[in-house]
Amino acid sequence: MKKMHEVSVWTIVESKEEGSAVLLRTSKKDIAIPIFILPSEVEAILVGLEGRAPKKPNTQNLLLDLLNNQYLSLQHIEIYDIKDNTYHAKLVIGDNRETGKNIQLDCGPGDALAMASSCKCRILVAAEVIETSGIPADYFIEAFQQNREGDIFGGKKSFLENKCNNLAEQLEKALEKEEYEKAAKLRDMMNAMDKTGFLNER
């Protein structure tokens, strides 16, 4: 069984080239996991987080109503894997009439997050996914403080790529000065950013 960590929706950012991404933030580690989602999923997540009623019933609310009518409830969602920059999620549904019994259904991460936001259930992410795609939250905080308009992810001049280039320069200087402990930390930070796949051209 995979080790899971509880996360929360931190914020949603937009990129002119890549679209919208929801940033999930861990509670114990200051790490953010970016997941690109569709515009309809952005609206559904925001409506759920703010506790507003949607202007018209959306797919997520219809599914939650259907579960409720069948004496079922969404216990939590899991983002359990990432392959080729694609996240894999599932819904864990409990039977309110029988303790301990649950149903697991594969689901797109955007839909899963929208449903979790609507019913305020837990969001769990596998430790391996956090290890593979997590980025230190400080990188995003720095980008927000610079009041950048969107392009945190997109294009050759993206914030993350510029940050990675800056780290590469620091790494080179650290190696020249034989500061190997500092160099190792810088290399780990660069690897954490590079493993997300967002620094590669699409």
Foldseek 3Di string as FASTA:
>chain_A
DFDKFWWDFDAWFAAPPQGIWTWIAGDPAQWTFTDHDDPVLVVLLVCLQVVHDDPDDDPLNVVQVVQVVQQKHFQEKEQEDADPLATKIWTWMDRNVDPPDTDIGIDGPSSRSSNCSNVVHIYIYGPVSCQQGIARCVLVVVVVVVVDRGQCQDDQPHSLNVVLVVLVVVLVVCVVVPVVVSNVVSVSNSNNSVSSVSNDDD
